[in-house]
Amino acid sequence: MKYLLTLLTLLVLSGCGDTSEPATVESSTIEMQLNKSYEVKKGDQLIKSAPETKVSIEKSLDGEKTTVTLLEGSAQIILTH
């Protein structure tokens, strides 16, 4: 009986949660320009717009900074905030 009461209490309490809206991630899109460098962060997306697209990706030695440069073709960066 004590086990059943504990189980019922846990079930009732588990239903009492936060009912607020889930957090949304805002994003913005950048159309890349040829030979221009852009700093990107974890979660950002690089999307090529043409099959012949070539990019250079450079990462700093300490791993803190990643830079992408459009060398050929066309691409977009989707930045997440």
Protein backbone atom coordinates (compact mmCIF):
# COMPACT_ATOMS: atom_id res chain seq x y z
CA MET A 1 0.00 0.00 0.00
CA LYS A 2 2.82 2.39 0.89
CA TYR A 3 4.47 1.57 -2.45
CA LEU A 4 1.25 2.35 -4.34
CA LEU A 5 0.83 5.68 -2.52
CA THR A 6 4.43 6.67 -3.36
CA LEU A 7 3.93 5.72 -7.00
CA LEU A 8 0.70 7.74 -7.27
CA THR A 9 2.38 10.75 -5.64
CA LEU A 10 5.23 10.61 -8.14
CA LEU A 11 2.80 10.39 -11.06
CA VAL A 12 0.83 13.40 -9.85
CA LEU A 13 3.98 15.46 -9.25
CA SER A 14 5.46 14.56 -12.62
CA GLY A 15 2.42 16.15 -14.27
CA CYS A 16 3.20 19.47 -12.58
CA GLY A 17 5.74 20.89 -14.97
CA ASP A 18 6.53 24.11 -16.74
CA THR A 19 3.89 24.83 -19.37
CA SER A 20 5.70 27.74 -20.98
CA GLU A 21 6.56 27.77 -24.68
CA PRO A 22 9.78 25.98 -25.68
CA ALA A 23 12.77 28.21 -26.39
CA THR A 24 13.18 29.14 -30.03
CA VAL A 25 16.45 29.75 -31.81
CA GLU A 26 16.63 32.85 -33.97
CA SER A 27 18.68 32.77 -37.15
CA SER A 28 19.78 35.10 -39.90
CA THR A 29 21.06 34.34 -43.39
CA ILE A 30 24.12 35.90 -45.01
CA GLU A 31 24.74 35.66 -48.75
CA MET A 32 28.51 35.12 -49.00
CA GLN A 33 30.68 37.37 -51.18
CA LEU A 34 33.70 36.04 -53.09
CA ASN A 35 37.02 36.25 -51.22
CA LYS A 36 35.42 37.71 -48.09
CA SER A 37 36.02 35.98 -44.73
CA TYR A 38 33.21 35.29 -42.27
CA GLU A 39 33.56 34.14 -38.67
CA VAL A 40 31.23 31.25 -37.80
CA LYS A 41 30.37 29.53 -34.54
CA LYS A 42 29.14 26.11 -33.52
CA GLY A 43 25.58 25.61 -34.80
CA ASP A 44 25.95 27.90 -37.83
CA GLN A 45 25.31 26.28 -41.21
CA LEU A 46 27.11 26.73 -44.52
CA ILE A 47 24.88 25.96 -47.51
CA LYS A 48 26.23 25.90 -51.05
CA SER A 49 23.95 27.38 -53.71
CA ALA A 50 25.86 26.06 -56.74
CA PRO A 51 27.48 22.68 -57.42
CA GLU A 52 30.89 24.22 -58.23
CA THR A 53 31.12 26.04 -54.90
CA LYS A 54 34.49 25.99 -53.12
CA VAL A 55 35.18 27.40 -49.66
CA SER A 56 38.20 27.68 -47.43
CA ILE A 57 37.71 26.82 -43.76
CA GLU A 58 40.33 27.97 -41.26
CA LYS A 59 40.38 27.23 -37.55
CA SER A 60 42.62 29.01 -35.06
CA LEU A 61 45.19 26.94 -33.19
CA ASP A 62 43.37 27.41 -29.90
CA GLY A 63 40.09 26.28 -31.52
CA GLU A 64 38.28 29.47 -30.51
CA LYS A 65 37.74 30.95 -33.97
CA THR A 66 36.59 29.44 -37.28
CA THR A 67 36.63 31.48 -40.48
CA VAL A 68 35.12 30.55 -43.84
CA THR A 69 35.90 32.23 -47.17
CA LEU A 70 34.01 31.74 -50.44
CA LEU A 71 36.54 30.95 -53.18
CA GLU A 72 34.24 30.01 -56.04
CA GLY A 73 30.50 29.62 -56.72
CA SER A 74 27.87 30.82 -54.28
CA ALA A 75 26.88 29.97 -50.72
CA GLN A 76 24.92 31.17 -47.72
CA ILE A 77 25.69 31.10 -44.02
CA ILE A 78 22.82 30.60 -41.61
CA LEU A 79 23.85 32.11 -38.28
CA THR A 80 22.11 30.83 -35.18
CA HIS A 81 21.81 33.11 -32.17
